[in-house]
């Protein structure tokens, strides 16, 4: 993956082909995201095609994550329609493997915070981690209304609450000092 970070994708792909299949999907997903970050979208999608499907769903989990990250890069570069298409692919992959937590993050990242909140009801575990991941995606999209709705269930989880306070300060920089003071007081 280091070769991918420095733009040596051919070498990174050669190395990835020699990695054990359980870790190969993880590495290929990161290579694809690196390719997208420098504007090589078609090669990124070709790299994702090299991820072999496995019964354990890990490969599809990595594929869905990479598609979400690529869509975010496309959004940053104002490729709105391409980002929409890529988000749709990510959602299809996440739905196929029934991963509601990743699905909620993808939906929130795509600007569908209301649908992400509906998926949250299906989270079976790791709520302390999953709620803030969805909250961060909403924060990055500036989705204040749905972000505020997520604050209530986060109140039951200490770590999630602290992380959400940090995101809240990012959403409302004009009152960020007040948020810090409240958190300090409660500690």
Protein backbone atom coordinates (compact mmCIF):
# COMPACT_ATOMS: atom_id res chain seq x y z
CA UNK A 1 0.00 0.00 0.00
CA UNK A 2 2.99 2.31 0.51
CA UNK A 3 3.80 2.06 -3.20
CA UNK A 4 0.24 3.19 -3.90
CA UNK A 5 0.65 6.18 -1.61
CA UNK A 6 3.63 7.35 -3.61
CA UNK A 7 1.89 6.70 -6.92
CA UNK A 8 3.70 3.51 -7.94
CA UNK A 9 0.49 1.61 -8.66
CA UNK A 10 1.94 -1.06 -10.94
CA UNK A 11 4.36 -2.15 -8.22
CA UNK A 12 1.64 -1.95 -5.57
CA UNK A 13 -0.64 -4.19 -7.66
CA UNK A 14 2.18 -6.72 -8.21
CA UNK A 15 2.79 -6.88 -4.47
CA UNK A 16 -0.95 -7.17 -3.79
CA UNK A 17 -1.18 -10.18 -6.08
CA UNK A 18 1.30 -12.02 -3.82
CA UNK A 19 -0.53 -11.23 -0.58
CA UNK A 20 -2.67 -13.87 1.09
CA UNK A 21 -6.22 -13.68 -0.21
CA UNK A 22 -7.69 -12.63 3.15
CA UNK A 23 -5.64 -9.42 3.17
CA UNK A 24 -5.56 -8.86 -0.60
CA UNK A 25 -9.04 -7.27 -0.72
CA UNK A 26 -8.03 -4.81 2.01
CA UNK A 27 -4.87 -3.81 0.11
CA UNK A 28 -6.60 -3.57 -3.27
CA UNK A 29 -9.33 -1.38 -1.79
CA UNK A 30 -6.73 1.04 -0.43
CA UNK A 31 -4.83 1.08 -3.72
CA UNK A 32 -8.06 1.94 -5.54
CA UNK A 33 -8.75 4.82 -3.16
CA UNK A 34 -5.20 6.15 -3.66
CA UNK A 35 -5.71 5.98 -7.42
CA UNK A 36 -8.96 7.91 -7.14
CA UNK A 37 -7.37 10.57 -4.93
CA UNK A 38 -5.00 11.50 -7.74
CA UNK A 39 -7.81 11.49 -10.31
CA UNK A 40 -7.29 8.03 -11.79
CA UNK A 41 -10.91 6.92 -11.45
CA UNK A 42 -11.03 4.30 -14.22
CA UNK A 43 -7.89 2.52 -12.98
CA UNK A 44 -9.39 2.66 -9.46
CA UNK A 45 -12.50 0.82 -10.63
CA UNK A 46 -10.32 -1.67 -12.51
CA UNK A 47 -8.39 -2.30 -9.30
CA UNK A 48 -11.65 -2.95 -7.44
CA UNK A 49 -12.53 -5.54 -10.09
CA UNK A 50 -9.49 -7.52 -8.92
CA UNK A 51 -11.07 -8.09 -5.53
CA UNK A 52 -12.31 -11.65 -5.55
CA UNK A 53 -15.63 -12.42 -3.91
CA UNK A 54 -15.35 -14.54 -0.77
CA UNK A 55 -17.96 -16.24 1.36
CA UNK A 56 -16.73 -14.39 4.45
CA UNK A 57 -18.01 -11.04 3.10
CA UNK A 58 -14.76 -9.29 4.02
CA UNK A 59 -13.90 -8.72 0.39
CA UNK A 60 -17.27 -7.12 -0.29
CA UNK A 61 -16.97 -5.03 2.86
CA UNK A 62 -13.67 -3.64 1.58
CA UNK A 63 -15.16 -3.08 -1.87
CA UNK A 64 -18.12 -1.13 -0.41
CA UNK A 65 -15.79 0.97 1.76
CA UNK A 66 -13.56 1.77 -1.23
CA UNK A 67 -16.55 2.71 -3.39
CA UNK A 68 -17.74 5.09 -0.67
CA UNK A 69 -14.30 6.69 -0.44
CA UNK A 70 -14.04 7.02 -4.22
CA UNK A 71 -17.49 8.64 -4.33
CA UNK A 72 -16.36 11.16 -1.71
CA UNK A 73 -13.33 12.03 -3.85
CA UNK A 74 -15.62 12.44 -6.86
CA UNK A 75 -17.81 14.80 -4.82
CA UNK A 76 -14.78 16.85 -3.79
CA UNK A 77 -13.88 17.21 -7.47
CA UNK A 78 -17.45 18.23 -8.34
CA UNK A 79 -18.15 15.05 -10.36
CA UNK A 80 -21.65 14.92 -8.91
CA UNK A 81 -23.24 12.41 -11.27
CA UNK A 82 -20.25 10.08 -11.12
CA UNK A 83 -20.31 10.30 -7.31
CA UNK A 84 -24.03 9.47 -7.28
CA UNK A 85 -23.38 6.41 -9.44
CA UNK A 86 -20.49 5.30 -7.24
CA UNK A 87 -22.53 5.78 -4.05
CA UNK A 88 -25.26 3.64 -5.63
CA UNK A 89 -22.72 0.88 -6.32
CA UNK A 90 -21.47 1.10 -2.73
CA UNK A 91 -25.02 0.86 -1.42
CA UNK A 92 -25.72 -2.18 -3.62
CA UNK A 93 -22.64 -3.96 -2.31
CA UNK A 94 -23.44 -3.12 1.34
CA UNK A 95 -27.06 -4.24 0.90
CA UNK A 96 -26.00 -7.51 -0.68
CA UNK A 97 -23.95 -8.43 2.38
CA UNK A 98 -26.43 -6.98 4.90
CA UNK A 99 -23.98 -4.66 6.63
CA UNK A 100 -26.27 -2.00 8.07
CA UNK A 101 -23.55 -0.01 9.86
CA UNK A 102 -21.54 0.51 6.67
CA UNK A 103 -24.76 1.11 4.79
CA UNK A 104 -25.67 3.92 7.20
CA UNK A 105 -22.25 5.55 6.79
CA UNK A 106 -22.53 5.33 3.00
CA UNK A 107 -26.02 6.83 3.05
CA UNK A 108 -24.92 9.66 5.37
CA UNK A 109 -21.85 10.29 3.20
CA UNK A 110 -24.08 10.49 0.13
CA UNK A 111 -26.29 13.09 1.80
CA UNK A 112 -29.13 10.76 2.79
CA UNK A 113 -28.91 11.26 6.55
CA UNK A 114 -32.61 10.52 7.01
CA UNK A 115 -32.17 7.06 5.46
CA UNK A 116 -29.01 6.51 7.50
CA UNK A 117 -31.00 7.14 10.68
CA UNK A 118 -33.45 4.42 9.65
CA UNK A 119 -30.58 1.97 9.21
CA UNK A 120 -29.30 2.78 12.69
CA UNK A 121 -32.31 1.01 14.17
CA UNK A 122 -30.90 -2.22 12.75
CA UNK A 123 -27.45 -1.89 14.29
CA UNK A 124 -26.95 -5.04 16.34
CA UNK A 125 -23.74 -4.08 18.16
CA UNK A 126 -20.73 -1.77 18.35
CA UNK A 127 -23.02 1.21 18.75
CA UNK A 128 -20.28 3.10 20.58
CA UNK A 129 -18.25 3.00 17.33
CA UNK A 130 -20.98 3.00 14.70
CA UNK A 131 -22.99 6.02 15.84
CA UNK A 132 -20.00 8.38 15.67
CA UNK A 133 -18.99 7.04 12.23
CA UNK A 134 -22.44 7.94 10.91
CA UNK A 135 -22.26 11.27 12.77
CA UNK A 136 -18.91 12.11 11.20
CA UNK A 137 -20.29 11.39 7.73
CA UNK A 138 -23.26 13.67 8.46
CA UNK A 139 -20.93 16.35 9.81
CA UNK A 140 -18.78 16.25 6.67
CA UNK A 141 -21.93 16.76 4.58
CA UNK A 142 -23.18 19.58 6.82
CA UNK A 143 -26.32 17.59 7.65
CA UNK A 144 -27.09 19.34 10.94
CA UNK A 145 -30.72 18.22 11.24
CA UNK A 146 -30.01 14.50 11.06
CA UNK A 147 -26.82 14.92 13.08
CA UNK A 148 -28.85 16.41 15.94
CA UNK A 149 -31.26 13.45 15.81
CA UNK A 150 -28.29 11.12 16.22
CA UNK A 151 -27.12 12.90 19.39
CA UNK A 152 -29.88 11.39 21.53
CA UNK A 153 -28.99 7.70 21.05
CA UNK A 154 -25.30 8.59 21.41
CA UNK A 155 -25.98 9.88 24.92
CA UNK A 156 -26.11 6.27 26.16
CA UNK A 157 -22.48 5.63 25.14
CA UNK A 158 -19.72 7.65 26.76
CA UNK A 159 -17.09 7.36 24.01
CA UNK A 160 -19.69 8.07 21.32
CA UNK A 161 -20.85 11.12 23.25
CA UNK A 162 -17.35 12.59 23.45
CA UNK A 163 -16.69 11.98 19.76
CA UNK A 164 -20.02 13.52 18.80
CA UNK A 165 -19.23 16.60 20.90
CA UNK A 166 -16.08 17.04 18.84
CA UNK A 167 -18.08 16.80 15.63
CA UNK A 168 -20.69 19.16 17.07
CA UNK A 169 -17.98 21.74 17.64
CA UNK A 170 -16.98 21.34 13.99
CA UNK A 171 -20.55 21.88 12.83
CA UNK A 172 -20.98 24.96 14.99
CA UNK A 173 -17.57 26.66 15.17
CA UNK A 174 -19.12 29.86 16.54
CA UNK A 175 -20.01 28.02 19.78
CA UNK A 176 -17.19 25.48 19.82
CA UNK A 177 -15.58 27.05 22.89
CA UNK A 178 -18.85 26.69 24.81
CA UNK A 179 -19.05 23.03 23.82
CA UNK A 180 -15.50 22.49 25.08
CA UNK A 181 -16.37 24.17 28.39
CA UNK A 182 -19.44 21.95 28.89
CA UNK A 183 -17.45 18.79 28.14
CA UNK A 184 -14.69 19.89 30.56
CA UNK A 185 -17.27 20.58 33.23
CA UNK A 186 -18.83 17.14 32.82
CA UNK A 187 -15.46 15.39 33.08
